[in-house]
């Protein structure tokens, strides 16, 4: 189990939210999306994304940019490291094998991948 020193980094959370976060991350997590964390803690999406970004900066997770194509709007067609930016066009959708020339055919989301449990201290 990896440790993350939260003092000073998560001051925007209430004590109750910090306790919820501690419980949440001691579970056997593999993938978490910011909106899931926001709902679990009762916080704004931007704060949930900030938490995941802090954890990635500490090497405790890896953020991925999920790529969705209009052919299957609810199924990720790809994922790239979050800091890499958006995919270059034309982009070939692995689901339908179409060449995407217009970014309006794509949508995006973020997911954090965890390899181990995290203890917040």
PDB file of N, CA and C in Angstrom:
ATOM      1  N   UNK A   1       0.854  -1.174   0.000  1.00  0.00           N
ATOM      2  CA  UNK A   1       0.000   0.000   0.000  1.00  0.00           C
ATOM      3  C   UNK A   1       0.897   1.233   0.000  1.00  0.00           C
ATOM      4  N   UNK A   2       0.621   2.155  -0.892  1.00  0.00           N
ATOM      5  CA  UNK A   2       1.381   3.399  -0.988  1.00  0.00           C
ATOM      6  C   UNK A   2       0.749   4.450  -0.086  1.00  0.00           C
ATOM      7  N   UNK A   3       1.562   5.357   0.423  1.00  0.00           N
ATOM      8  CA  UNK A   3       1.072   6.433   1.296  1.00  0.00           C
ATOM      9  C   UNK A   3       1.115   7.770   0.568  1.00  0.00           C
ATOM     10  N   UNK A   4       0.142   8.614   0.872  1.00  0.00           N
ATOM     11  CA  UNK A   4       0.084   9.976   0.350  1.00  0.00           C
ATOM     12  C   UNK A   4      -0.155  10.908   1.520  1.00  0.00           C
ATOM     13  N   UNK A   5       0.748  11.845   1.731  1.00  0.00           N
ATOM     14  CA  UNK A   5       0.601  12.819   2.814  1.00  0.00           C
ATOM     15  C   UNK A   5      -0.342  13.913   2.324  1.00  0.00           C
ATOM     16  N   UNK A   6      -1.540  13.914   2.877  1.00  0.00           N
ATOM     17  CA  UNK A   6      -2.575  14.819   2.383  1.00  0.00           C
ATOM     18  C   UNK A   6      -2.536  16.198   3.022  1.00  0.00           C
ATOM     19  N   UNK A   7      -1.843  16.345   4.156  1.00  0.00           N
ATOM     20  CA  UNK A   7      -1.822  17.635   4.855  1.00  0.00           C
ATOM     21  C   UNK A   7      -1.256  18.727   3.942  1.00  0.00           C
ATOM     22  N   UNK A   8      -2.026  19.791   3.812  1.00  0.00           N
ATOM     23  CA  UNK A   8      -1.608  20.904   2.971  1.00  0.00           C
ATOM     24  C   UNK A   8      -2.029  20.757   1.514  1.00  0.00           C
ATOM     25  N   UNK A   9      -2.281  19.538   1.072  1.00  0.00           N
ATOM     26  CA  UNK A   9      -2.676  19.314  -0.319  1.00  0.00           C
ATOM     27  C   UNK A   9      -4.189  19.254  -0.494  1.00  0.00           C
ATOM     28  N   UNK A  10      -4.882  18.813   0.526  1.00  0.00           N
ATOM     29  CA  UNK A  10      -6.324  18.606   0.404  1.00  0.00           C
ATOM     30  C   UNK A  10      -7.112  19.462   1.386  1.00  0.00           C
ATOM     31  N   UNK A  11      -6.601  20.664   1.653  1.00  0.00           N
ATOM     32  CA  UNK A  11      -7.257  21.548   2.620  1.00  0.00           C
ATOM     33  C   UNK A  11      -8.634  22.016   2.149  1.00  0.00           C
ATOM     34  N   UNK A  12      -8.928  21.873   0.879  1.00  0.00           N
ATOM     35  CA  UNK A  12     -10.237  22.279   0.362  1.00  0.00           C
ATOM     36  C   UNK A  12     -11.333  21.266   0.704  1.00  0.00           C
ATOM     37  N   UNK A  13     -10.943  20.114   1.297  1.00  0.00           N
ATOM     38  CA  UNK A  13     -11.913  19.109   1.715  1.00  0.00           C
ATOM     39  C   UNK A  13     -12.233  19.265   3.203  1.00  0.00           C
ATOM     40  N   UNK A  14     -13.462  18.966   3.573  1.00  0.00           N
ATOM     41  CA  UNK A  14     -13.829  18.955   4.992  1.00  0.00           C
ATOM     42  C   UNK A  14     -13.243  17.693   5.633  1.00  0.00           C
ATOM     43  N   UNK A  15     -13.256  17.635   6.944  1.00  0.00           N
ATOM     44  CA  UNK A  15     -12.758  16.443   7.641  1.00  0.00           C
ATOM     45  C   UNK A  15     -13.569  15.210   7.242  1.00  0.00           C
ATOM     46  N   UNK A  16     -14.891  15.385   7.101  1.00  0.00           N
ATOM     47  CA  UNK A  16     -15.745  14.264   6.692  1.00  0.00           C
ATOM     48  C   UNK A  16     -15.361  13.778   5.294  1.00  0.00           C
ATOM     49  N   UNK A  17     -15.123  14.705   4.381  1.00  0.00           N
ATOM     50  CA  UNK A  17     -14.738  14.338   3.015  1.00  0.00           C
ATOM     51  C   UNK A  17     -13.372  13.655   2.994  1.00  0.00           C
ATOM     52  N   UNK A  18     -12.447  14.109   3.833  1.00  0.00           N
ATOM     53  CA  UNK A  18     -11.141  13.457   3.927  1.00  0.00           C
ATOM     54  C   UNK A  18     -11.285  12.026   4.435  1.00  0.00           C
ATOM     55  N   UNK A  19     -12.156  11.834   5.435  1.00  0.00           N
ATOM     56  CA  UNK A  19     -12.397  10.481   5.946  1.00  0.00           C
ATOM     57  C   UNK A  19     -13.004   9.591   4.867  1.00  0.00           C
ATOM     58  N   UNK A  20     -13.961  10.146   4.097  1.00  0.00           N
ATOM     59  CA  UNK A  20     -14.570   9.395   2.984  1.00  0.00           C
ATOM     60  C   UNK A  20     -13.516   9.021   1.947  1.00  0.00           C
ATOM     61  N   UNK A  21     -12.637   9.972   1.646  1.00  0.00           N
ATOM     62  CA  UNK A  21     -11.578   9.737   0.670  1.00  0.00           C
ATOM     63  C   UNK A  21     -10.641   8.640   1.158  1.00  0.00           C
ATOM     64  N   UNK A  22     -10.297   8.659   2.440  1.00  0.00           N
ATOM     65  CA  UNK A  22      -9.442   7.616   3.011  1.00  0.00           C
ATOM     66  C   UNK A  22     -10.081   6.242   2.840  1.00  0.00           C
ATOM     67  N   UNK A  23     -11.364   6.149   3.160  1.00  0.00           N
ATOM     68  CA  UNK A  23     -12.079   4.873   3.002  1.00  0.00           C
ATOM     69  C   UNK A  23     -12.111   4.445   1.537  1.00  0.00           C
ATOM     70  N   UNK A  24     -12.387   5.405   0.675  1.00  0.00           N
ATOM     71  CA  UNK A  24     -12.529   5.134  -0.761  1.00  0.00           C
ATOM     72  C   UNK A  24     -11.243   4.555  -1.343  1.00  0.00           C
ATOM     73  N   UNK A  25     -10.100   5.125  -0.962  1.00  0.00           N
ATOM     74  CA  UNK A  25      -8.843   4.685  -1.547  1.00  0.00           C
ATOM     75  C   UNK A  25      -8.220   3.477  -0.877  1.00  0.00           C
ATOM     76  N   UNK A  26      -8.751   3.040   0.251  1.00  0.00           N
ATOM     77  CA  UNK A  26      -8.230   1.811   0.848  1.00  0.00           C
ATOM     78  C   UNK A  26      -8.940   0.583   0.278  1.00  0.00           C
ATOM     79  N   UNK A  27      -9.963   0.804  -0.533  1.00  0.00           N
ATOM     80  CA  UNK A  27     -10.606  -0.295  -1.244  1.00  0.00           C
ATOM     81  C   UNK A  27      -9.695  -0.732  -2.385  1.00  0.00           C
ATOM     82  N   UNK A  28      -9.964  -1.896  -2.923  1.00  0.00           N
ATOM     83  CA  UNK A  28      -9.165  -2.401  -4.048  1.00  0.00           C
ATOM     84  C   UNK A  28      -9.623  -1.721  -5.337  1.00  0.00           C
ATOM     85  N   UNK A  29      -9.164  -0.512  -5.554  1.00  0.00           N
ATOM     86  CA  UNK A  29      -9.557   0.254  -6.739  1.00  0.00           C
ATOM     87  C   UNK A  29      -8.625  -0.056  -7.899  1.00  0.00           C
ATOM     88  N   UNK A  30      -9.161   0.007  -9.085  1.00  0.00           N
ATOM     89  CA  UNK A  30      -8.323  -0.088 -10.277  1.00  0.00           C
ATOM     90  C   UNK A  30      -8.509   1.145 -11.147  1.00  0.00           C
ATOM     91  N   UNK A  31      -9.743   1.529 -11.390  1.00  0.00           N
ATOM     92  CA  UNK A  31     -10.037   2.692 -12.237  1.00  0.00           C
ATOM     93  C   UNK A  31     -11.044   3.595 -11.540  1.00  0.00           C
ATOM     94  N   UNK A  32     -10.788   4.892 -11.588  1.00  0.00           N
ATOM     95  CA  UNK A  32     -11.705   5.878 -11.015  1.00  0.00           C
ATOM     96  C   UNK A  32     -11.793   7.046 -11.984  1.00  0.00           C
ATOM     97  N   UNK A  33     -13.007   7.500 -12.214  1.00  0.00           N
ATOM     98  CA  UNK A  33     -13.221   8.678 -13.042  1.00  0.00           C
ATOM     99  C   UNK A  33     -13.572   9.850 -12.120  1.00  0.00           C
ATOM    100  N   UNK A  34     -13.165  11.056 -12.491  1.00  0.00           N
ATOM    101  CA  UNK A  34     -13.417  12.206 -11.606  1.00  0.00           C
ATOM    102  C   UNK A  34     -14.881  12.363 -11.203  1.00  0.00           C
ATOM    103  N   UNK A  35     -15.813  12.113 -12.108  1.00  0.00           N
ATOM    104  CA  UNK A  35     -17.220  12.277 -11.737  1.00  0.00           C
ATOM    105  C   UNK A  35     -17.646  11.259 -10.687  1.00  0.00           C
ATOM    106  N   UNK A  36     -17.050  10.058 -10.699  1.00  0.00           N
ATOM    107  CA  UNK A  36     -17.371   9.056  -9.679  1.00  0.00           C
ATOM    108  C   UNK A  36     -16.875   9.525  -8.306  1.00  0.00           C
ATOM    109  N   UNK A  37     -15.661  10.046  -8.278  1.00  0.00           N
ATOM    110  CA  UNK A  37     -15.087  10.542  -7.032  1.00  0.00           C
ATOM    111  C   UNK A  37     -15.880  11.743  -6.523  1.00  0.00           C
ATOM    112  N   UNK A  38     -16.293  12.614  -7.430  1.00  0.00           N
ATOM    113  CA  UNK A  38     -17.077  13.796  -7.044  1.00  0.00           C
ATOM    114  C   UNK A  38     -18.392  13.386  -6.386  1.00  0.00           C
ATOM    115  N   UNK A  39     -19.061  12.408  -6.955  1.00  0.00           N
ATOM    116  CA  UNK A  39     -20.329  11.932  -6.389  1.00  0.00           C
ATOM    117  C   UNK A  39     -20.082  11.286  -5.025  1.00  0.00           C
ATOM    118  N   UNK A  40     -19.066  10.453  -4.931  1.00  0.00           N
ATOM    119  CA  UNK A  40     -18.755   9.742  -3.684  1.00  0.00           C
ATOM    120  C   UNK A  40     -18.488  10.722  -2.540  1.00  0.00           C
ATOM    121  N   UNK A  41     -17.764  11.810  -2.830  1.00  0.00           N
ATOM    122  CA  UNK A  41     -17.381  12.762  -1.782  1.00  0.00           C
ATOM    123  C   UNK A  41     -18.322  13.951  -1.662  1.00  0.00           C
ATOM    124  N   UNK A  42     -19.211  14.124  -2.634  1.00  0.00           N
ATOM    125  CA  UNK A  42     -20.103  15.280  -2.621  1.00  0.00           C
ATOM    126  C   UNK A  42     -19.353  16.572  -2.897  1.00  0.00           C
ATOM    127  N   UNK A  43     -18.424  16.514  -3.869  1.00  0.00           N
ATOM    128  CA  UNK A  43     -17.626  17.691  -4.221  1.00  0.00           C
ATOM    129  C   UNK A  43     -17.800  17.995  -5.706  1.00  0.00           C
ATOM    130  N   UNK A  44     -17.268  19.133  -6.119  1.00  0.00           N
ATOM    131  CA  UNK A  44     -17.325  19.518  -7.528  1.00  0.00           C
ATOM    132  C   UNK A  44     -16.364  18.659  -8.351  1.00  0.00           C
ATOM    133  N   UNK A  45     -16.699  18.502  -9.618  1.00  0.00           N
ATOM    134  CA  UNK A  45     -15.859  17.737 -10.552  1.00  0.00           C
ATOM    135  C   UNK A  45     -14.431  18.268 -10.557  1.00  0.00           C
ATOM    136  N   UNK A  46     -14.267  19.585 -10.570  1.00  0.00           N
ATOM    137  CA  UNK A  46     -12.929  20.178 -10.643  1.00  0.00           C
ATOM    138  C   UNK A  46     -12.082  19.805  -9.428  1.00  0.00           C
ATOM    139  N   UNK A  47     -12.698  19.693  -8.265  1.00  0.00           N
ATOM    140  CA  UNK A  47     -11.960  19.288  -7.063  1.00  0.00           C
ATOM    141  C   UNK A  47     -11.580  17.814  -7.135  1.00  0.00           C
ATOM    142  N   UNK A  48     -12.464  16.998  -7.662  1.00  0.00           N
ATOM    143  CA  UNK A  48     -12.150  15.578  -7.825  1.00  0.00           C
ATOM    144  C   UNK A  48     -10.994  15.404  -8.805  1.00  0.00           C
ATOM    145  N   UNK A  49     -11.011  16.163  -9.883  1.00  0.00           N
ATOM    146  CA  UNK A  49      -9.919  16.118 -10.854  1.00  0.00           C
ATOM    147  C   UNK A  49      -8.618  16.597 -10.213  1.00  0.00           C
ATOM    148  N   UNK A  50      -8.692  17.613  -9.366  1.00  0.00           N
ATOM    149  CA  UNK A  50      -7.501  18.107  -8.666  1.00  0.00           C
ATOM    150  C   UNK A  50      -6.912  17.017  -7.772  1.00  0.00           C
ATOM    151  N   UNK A  51      -7.746  16.269  -7.075  1.00  0.00           N
ATOM    152  CA  UNK A  51      -7.273  15.179  -6.216  1.00  0.00           C
ATOM    153  C   UNK A  51      -6.545  14.136  -7.056  1.00  0.00           C
ATOM    154  N   UNK A  52      -7.160  13.728  -8.154  1.00  0.00           N
ATOM    155  CA  UNK A  52      -6.536  12.711  -9.009  1.00  0.00           C
ATOM    156  C   UNK A  52      -5.246  13.220  -9.635  1.00  0.00           C
ATOM    157  N   UNK A  53      -5.203  14.508  -9.966  1.00  0.00           N
ATOM    158  CA  UNK A  53      -3.985  15.092 -10.523  1.00  0.00           C
ATOM    159  C   UNK A  53      -2.864  15.097  -9.488  1.00  0.00           C
ATOM    160  N   UNK A  54      -3.194  15.407  -8.240  1.00  0.00           N
ATOM    161  CA  UNK A  54      -2.201  15.350  -7.159  1.00  0.00           C
ATOM    162  C   UNK A  54      -1.658  13.934  -6.995  1.00  0.00           C
ATOM    163  N   UNK A  55      -2.554  12.962  -7.028  1.00  0.00           N
ATOM    164  CA  UNK A  55      -2.130  11.570  -6.869  1.00  0.00           C
ATOM    165  C   UNK A  55      -1.247  11.128  -8.030  1.00  0.00           C
ATOM    166  N   UNK A  56      -1.564  11.601  -9.238  1.00  0.00           N
ATOM    167  CA  UNK A  56      -0.709  11.256 -10.378  1.00  0.00           C
ATOM    168  C   UNK A  56       0.665  11.906 -10.235  1.00  0.00           C
ATOM    169  N   UNK A  57       0.693  13.137  -9.776  1.00  0.00           N
ATOM    170  CA  UNK A  57       1.970  13.837  -9.595  1.00  0.00           C
ATOM    171  C   UNK A  57       2.860  13.122  -8.583  1.00  0.00           C
ATOM    172  N   UNK A  58       2.241  12.428  -7.640  1.00  0.00           N
ATOM    173  CA  UNK A  58       2.987  11.657  -6.639  1.00  0.00           C
ATOM    174  C   UNK A  58       3.315  10.244  -7.130  1.00  0.00           C
ATOM    175  N   UNK A  59       2.912   9.923  -8.355  1.00  0.00           N
ATOM    176  CA  UNK A  59       3.192   8.601  -8.914  1.00  0.00           C
ATOM    177  C   UNK A  59       2.294   7.504  -8.386  1.00  0.00           C
ATOM    178  N   UNK A  60       1.133   7.878  -7.819  1.00  0.00           N
ATOM    179  CA  UNK A  60       0.235   6.895  -7.217  1.00  0.00           C
ATOM    180  C   UNK A  60      -0.850   6.406  -8.166  1.00  0.00           C
ATOM    181  N   UNK A  61      -1.002   7.063  -9.283  1.00  0.00           N
ATOM    182  CA  UNK A  61      -1.941   6.625 -10.308  1.00  0.00           C
ATOM    183  C   UNK A  61      -1.471   7.175 -11.638  1.00  0.00           C
ATOM    184  N   UNK A  62      -2.122   6.730 -12.692  1.00  0.00           N
ATOM    185  CA  UNK A  62      -1.823   7.249 -14.026  1.00  0.00           C
ATOM    186  C   UNK A  62      -3.124   7.747 -14.628  1.00  0.00           C
ATOM    187  N   UNK A  63      -3.142   9.018 -15.026  1.00  0.00           N
ATOM    188  CA  UNK A  63      -4.338   9.585 -15.653  1.00  0.00           C
ATOM    189  C   UNK A  63      -4.318   9.296 -17.144  1.00  0.00           C
ATOM    190  N   UNK A  64      -5.468   8.898 -17.648  1.00  0.00           N
ATOM    191  CA  UNK A  64      -5.647   8.611 -19.071  1.00  0.00           C
ATOM    192  C   UNK A  64      -6.746   9.507 -19.626  1.00  0.00           C
ATOM    193  N   UNK A  65      -6.550   9.946 -20.852  1.00  0.00           N
ATOM    194  CA  UNK A  65      -7.593  10.655 -21.583  1.00  0.00           C
ATOM    195  C   UNK A  65      -8.325   9.596 -22.405  1.00  0.00           C
ATOM    196  N   UNK A  66      -9.578   9.364 -22.063  1.00  0.00           N
ATOM    197  CA  UNK A  66     -10.386   8.403 -22.815  1.00  0.00           C
ATOM    198  C   UNK A  66     -10.939   9.092 -24.053  1.00  0.00           C
ATOM    199  N   UNK A  67     -10.903   8.383 -25.167  1.00  0.00           N
ATOM    200  CA  UNK A  67     -11.366   8.915 -26.450  1.00  0.00           C
ATOM    201  C   UNK A  67     -12.626   8.151 -26.856  1.00  0.00           C
ATOM    202  N   UNK A  68     -13.680   8.897 -27.125  1.00  0.00           N
ATOM    203  CA  UNK A  68     -14.944   8.305 -27.574  1.00  0.00           C
ATOM    204  C   UNK A  68     -15.224   8.785 -28.997  1.00  0.00           C
ATOM    205  N   UNK A  69     -15.745   7.882 -29.818  1.00  0.00           N
ATOM    206  CA  UNK A  69     -16.119   8.228 -31.192  1.00  0.00           C
ATOM    207  C   UNK A  69     -17.629   8.110 -31.327  1.00  0.00           C
ATOM    208  N   UNK A  70     -18.197   8.873 -32.231  1.00  0.00           N
ATOM    209  CA  UNK A  70     -19.653   8.869 -32.446  1.00  0.00           C
ATOM    210  C   UNK A  70     -20.215   7.491 -32.789  1.00  0.00           C
ATOM    211  N   UNK A  71     -19.396   6.581 -33.315  1.00  0.00           N
ATOM    212  CA  UNK A  71     -19.912   5.263 -33.699  1.00  0.00           C
ATOM    213  C   UNK A  71     -20.397   4.463 -32.490  1.00  0.00           C
ATOM    214  N   UNK A  72     -19.766   4.640 -31.335  1.00  0.00           N
ATOM    215  CA  UNK A  72     -20.156   3.996 -30.075  1.00  0.00           C
ATOM    216  C   UNK A  72     -19.932   5.020 -28.965  1.00  0.00           C
ATOM    217  N   UNK A  73     -20.850   5.982 -28.801  1.00  0.00           N
ATOM    218  CA  UNK A  73     -20.591   7.108 -27.908  1.00  0.00           C
ATOM    219  C   UNK A  73     -20.414   6.770 -26.426  1.00  0.00           C
ATOM    220  N   UNK A  74     -20.822   5.573 -26.011  1.00  0.00           N
ATOM    221  CA  UNK A  74     -20.701   5.195 -24.602  1.00  0.00           C
ATOM    222  C   UNK A  74     -19.541   4.238 -24.338  1.00  0.00           C
ATOM    223  N   UNK A  75     -18.769   3.919 -25.360  1.00  0.00           N
ATOM    224  CA  UNK A  75     -17.662   2.970 -25.232  1.00  0.00           C
ATOM    225  C   UNK A  75     -16.361   3.668 -25.616  1.00  0.00           C
ATOM    226  N   UNK A  76     -15.375   3.667 -24.712  1.00  0.00           N
ATOM    227  CA  UNK A  76     -14.098   4.293 -25.091  1.00  0.00           C
ATOM    228  C   UNK A  76     -13.468   3.574 -26.285  1.00  0.00           C
ATOM    229  N   UNK A  77     -13.073   4.356 -27.265  1.00  0.00           N
ATOM    230  CA  UNK A  77     -12.421   3.801 -28.457  1.00  0.00           C
ATOM    231  C   UNK A  77     -10.913   3.808 -28.310  1.00  0.00           C
ATOM    232  N   UNK A  78     -10.427   4.499 -27.307  1.00  0.00           N
ATOM    233  CA  UNK A  78      -8.986   4.562 -27.079  1.00  0.00           C
ATOM    234  C   UNK A  78      -8.682   5.309 -25.807  1.00  0.00           C
ATOM    235  N   UNK A  79      -7.410   5.249 -25.415  1.00  0.00           N
ATOM    236  CA  UNK A  79      -6.943   5.975 -24.235  1.00  0.00           C
ATOM    237  C   UNK A  79      -5.478   6.323 -24.448  1.00  0.00           C
ATOM    238  N   UNK A  80      -5.124   7.553 -24.068  1.00  0.00           N
ATOM    239  CA  UNK A  80      -3.739   7.995 -24.162  1.00  0.00           C
ATOM    240  C   UNK A  80      -3.364   8.665 -22.839  1.00  0.00           C
ATOM    241  N   UNK A  81      -2.083   8.754 -22.519  1.00  0.00           N
ATOM    242  CA  UNK A  81      -1.696   9.457 -21.289  1.00  0.00           C
ATOM    243  C   UNK A  81      -2.265  10.871 -21.274  1.00  0.00           C
ATOM    244  N   UNK A  82      -2.776  11.275 -20.129  1.00  0.00           N
ATOM    245  CA  UNK A  82      -3.469  12.556 -19.984  1.00  0.00           C
ATOM    246  C   UNK A  82      -2.609  13.736 -20.420  1.00  0.00           C
ATOM    247  N   UNK A  83      -1.361  13.771 -20.066  1.00  0.00           N
ATOM    248  CA  UNK A  83      -0.492  14.894 -20.383  1.00  0.00           C
ATOM    249  C   UNK A  83      -0.060  14.964 -21.838  1.00  0.00           C
ATOM    250  N   UNK A  84      -0.397  13.961 -22.619  1.00  0.00           N
ATOM    251  CA  UNK A  84       0.015  13.914 -24.027  1.00  0.00           C
ATOM    252  C   UNK A  84      -0.798  14.866 -24.891  1.00  0.00           C
ATOM    253  N   UNK A  85      -1.960  15.240 -24.432  1.00  0.00           N
ATOM    254  CA  UNK A  85      -2.823  16.108 -25.219  1.00  0.00           C
ATOM    255  C   UNK A  85      -3.836  15.297 -26.009  1.00  0.00           C
ATOM    256  N   UNK A  86      -4.488  15.946 -26.931  1.00  0.00           N
ATOM    257  CA  UNK A  86      -5.516  15.292 -27.735  1.00  0.00           C
ATOM    258  C   UNK A  86      -4.876  14.517 -28.877  1.00  0.00           C
ATOM    259  N   UNK A  87      -5.575  13.509 -29.382  1.00  0.00           N
ATOM    260  CA  UNK A  87      -4.998  12.735 -30.490  1.00  0.00           C
ATOM    261  C   UNK A  87      -4.869  13.571 -31.754  1.00  0.00           C
ATOM    262  N   UNK A  88      -3.844  13.271 -32.515  1.00  0.00           N
ATOM    263  CA  UNK A  88      -3.662  13.943 -33.802  1.00  0.00           C
ATOM    264  C   UNK A  88      -4.699  13.448 -34.796  1.00  0.00           C
ATOM    265  N   UNK A  89      -5.145  14.360 -35.647  1.00  0.00           N
ATOM    266  CA  UNK A  89      -6.087  13.998 -36.713  1.00  0.00           C
ATOM    267  C   UNK A  89      -5.324  13.920 -38.027  1.00  0.00           C
ATOM    268  N   UNK A  90      -5.658  13.059 -38.916  1.00  0.00           N
ATOM    269  CA  UNK A  90      -6.744  12.084 -38.808  1.00  0.00           C
ATOM    270  C   UNK A  90      -6.396  10.995 -37.792  1.00  0.00           C
ATOM    271  N   UNK A  91      -7.444  10.510 -37.135  1.00  0.00           N
ATOM    272  CA  UNK A  91      -7.338   9.470 -36.121  1.00  0.00           C
ATOM    273  C   UNK A  91      -8.220   8.312 -36.565  1.00  0.00           C
ATOM    274  N   UNK A  92      -7.700   7.107 -36.545  1.00  0.00           N
ATOM    275  CA  UNK A  92      -8.479   5.937 -36.969  1.00  0.00           C
ATOM    276  C   UNK A  92      -9.127   5.308 -35.745  1.00  0.00           C
ATOM    277  N   UNK A  93     -10.445   5.238 -35.777  1.00  0.00           N
ATOM    278  CA  UNK A  93     -11.202   4.638 -34.684  1.00  0.00           C
ATOM    279  C   UNK A  93     -11.012   3.124 -34.720  1.00  0.00           C
ATOM    280  N   UNK A  94     -10.534   2.530 -33.630  1.00  0.00           N
ATOM    281  CA  UNK A  94     -10.362   1.085 -33.615  1.00  0.00           C
ATOM    282  C   UNK A  94     -11.684   0.307 -33.547  1.00  0.00           C
ATOM    283  N   UNK A  95     -12.783   0.981 -33.212  1.00  0.00           N
ATOM    284  CA  UNK A  95     -14.077   0.298 -33.130  1.00  0.00           C
ATOM    285  C   UNK A  95     -14.727   0.121 -34.502  1.00  0.00           C
ATOM    286  N   UNK A  96     -14.730   1.201 -35.298  1.00  0.00           N
ATOM    287  CA  UNK A  96     -15.395   1.139 -36.605  1.00  0.00           C
ATOM    288  C   UNK A  96     -14.413   1.239 -37.768  1.00  0.00           C
ATOM    289  N   UNK A  97     -13.148   1.495 -37.453  1.00  0.00           N
ATOM    290  CA  UNK A  97     -12.075   1.609 -38.435  1.00  0.00           C
ATOM    291  C   UNK A  97     -12.238   2.795 -39.387  1.00  0.00           C
ATOM    292  N   UNK A  98     -13.040   3.783 -38.994  1.00  0.00           N
ATOM    293  CA  UNK A  98     -13.192   5.012 -39.783  1.00  0.00           C
ATOM    294  C   UNK A  98     -12.045   5.953 -39.491  1.00  0.00           C
ATOM    295  N   UNK A  99     -11.695   6.722 -40.504  1.00  0.00           N
ATOM    296  CA  UNK A  99     -10.699   7.775 -40.323  1.00  0.00           C
ATOM    297  C   UNK A  99     -11.436   9.040 -39.880  1.00  0.00           C
ATOM    298  N   UNK A 100     -11.109   9.535 -38.704  1.00  0.00           N
ATOM    299  CA  UNK A 100     -11.765  10.711 -38.143  1.00  0.00           C
ATOM    300  C   UNK A 100     -10.953  11.939 -38.524  1.00  0.00           C
ATOM    301  N   UNK A 101     -11.585  12.847 -39.245  1.00  0.00           N
ATOM    302  CA  UNK A 101     -10.934  14.070 -39.706  1.00  0.00           C
ATOM    303  C   UNK A 101     -11.365  15.294 -38.900  1.00  0.00           C
ATOM    304  N   UNK A 102     -12.512  15.187 -38.213  1.00  0.00           N
ATOM    305  CA  UNK A 102     -13.097  16.333 -37.515  1.00  0.00           C
ATOM    306  C   UNK A 102     -13.194  16.021 -36.019  1.00  0.00           C
ATOM    307  N   UNK A 103     -12.594  16.872 -35.183  1.00  0.00           N
ATOM    308  CA  UNK A 103     -12.592  16.630 -33.737  1.00  0.00           C
ATOM    309  C   UNK A 103     -14.003  16.623 -33.151  1.00  0.00           C
ATOM    310  N   UNK A 104     -14.977  17.189 -33.860  1.00  0.00           N
ATOM    311  CA  UNK A 104     -16.353  17.188 -33.372  1.00  0.00           C
ATOM    312  C   UNK A 104     -16.967  15.780 -33.366  1.00  0.00           C
ATOM    313  N   UNK A 105     -16.319  14.829 -34.033  1.00  0.00           N
ATOM    314  CA  UNK A 105     -16.776  13.437 -34.011  1.00  0.00           C
ATOM    315  C   UNK A 105     -16.305  12.709 -32.755  1.00  0.00           C
ATOM    316  N   UNK A 106     -15.436  13.363 -31.984  1.00  0.00           N
ATOM    317  CA  UNK A 106     -14.853  12.740 -30.798  1.00  0.00           C
ATOM    318  C   UNK A 106     -15.327  13.438 -29.535  1.00  0.00           C
ATOM    319  N   UNK A 107     -15.355  12.692 -28.444  1.00  0.00           N
ATOM    320  CA  UNK A 107     -15.551  13.279 -27.122  1.00  0.00           C
ATOM    321  C   UNK A 107     -14.536  12.629 -26.192  1.00  0.00           C
ATOM    322  N   UNK A 108     -14.362  13.225 -25.020  1.00  0.00           N
ATOM    323  CA  UNK A 108     -13.278  12.809 -24.145  1.00  0.00           C
ATOM    324  C   UNK A 108     -13.730  12.749 -22.698  1.00  0.00           C
ATOM    325  N   UNK A 109     -13.033  11.933 -21.928  1.00  0.00           N
ATOM    326  CA  UNK A 109     -13.234  11.861 -20.490  1.00  0.00           C
ATOM    327  C   UNK A 109     -11.891  11.508 -19.870  1.00  0.00           C
ATOM    328  N   UNK A 110     -11.829  11.517 -18.573  1.00  0.00           N
ATOM    329  CA  UNK A 110     -10.583  11.231 -17.861  1.00  0.00           C
ATOM    330  C   UNK A 110     -10.804  10.048 -16.934  1.00  0.00           C
ATOM    331  N   UNK A 111      -9.777   9.214 -16.822  1.00  0.00           N
ATOM    332  CA  UNK A 111      -9.824   8.074 -15.918  1.00  0.00           C
ATOM    333  C   UNK A 111      -8.468   7.934 -15.239  1.00  0.00           C
ATOM    334  N   UNK A 112      -8.486   7.627 -13.951  1.00  0.00           N
ATOM    335  CA  UNK A 112      -7.253   7.349 -13.209  1.00  0.00           C
ATOM    336  C   UNK A 112      -7.137   5.844 -13.044  1.00  0.00           C
ATOM    337  N   UNK A 113      -5.965   5.312 -13.348  1.00  0.00           N
ATOM    338  CA  UNK A 113      -5.683   3.890 -13.155  1.00  0.00           C
ATOM    339  C   UNK A 113      -4.780   3.747 -11.939  1.00  0.00           C
ATOM    340  N   UNK A 114      -5.203   2.907 -11.011  1.00  0.00           N
ATOM    341  CA  UNK A 114      -4.427   2.639  -9.803  1.00  0.00           C
ATOM    342  C   UNK A 114      -3.907   1.217  -9.846  1.00  0.00           C
ATOM    343  N   UNK A 115      -2.655   1.046  -9.464  1.00  0.00           N
ATOM    344  CA  UNK A 115      -2.044  -0.286  -9.420  1.00  0.00           C
ATOM    345  C   UNK A 115      -2.041  -0.851  -8.005  1.00  0.00           C
ATOM    346  N   UNK A 116      -2.275   0.014  -7.014  1.00  0.00           N
ATOM    347  CA  UNK A 116      -2.247  -0.421  -5.619  1.00  0.00           C
ATOM    348  C   UNK A 116      -3.183   0.437  -4.776  1.00  0.00           C
ATOM    349  N   UNK A 117      -3.465  -0.031  -3.575  1.00  0.00           N
ATOM    350  CA  UNK A 117      -4.263   0.748  -2.631  1.00  0.00           C
ATOM    351  C   UNK A 117      -3.431   1.941  -2.151  1.00  0.00           C
ATOM    352  N   UNK A 118      -4.136   2.992  -1.734  1.00  0.00           N
ATOM    353  CA  UNK A 118      -3.467   4.191  -1.264  1.00  0.00           C
ATOM    354  C   UNK A 118      -3.942   4.505   0.155  1.00  0.00           C
ATOM    355  N   UNK A 119      -2.981   4.815   1.007  1.00  0.00           N
ATOM    356  CA  UNK A 119      -3.287   5.245   2.365  1.00  0.00           C
ATOM    357  C   UNK A 119      -3.038   6.744   2.445  1.00  0.00           C
ATOM    358  N   UNK A 120      -4.064   7.499   2.810  1.00  0.00           N
ATOM    359  CA  UNK A 120      -3.910   8.935   2.990  1.00  0.00           C
ATOM    360  C   UNK A 120      -3.523   9.198   4.444  1.00  0.00           C
ATOM    361  N   UNK A 121      -2.420   9.882   4.633  1.00  0.00           N
ATOM    362  CA  UNK A 121      -1.960  10.191   5.990  1.00  0.00           C
ATOM    363  C   UNK A 121      -1.847  11.690   6.185  1.00  0.00           C
TER     364      UNK A 121
END
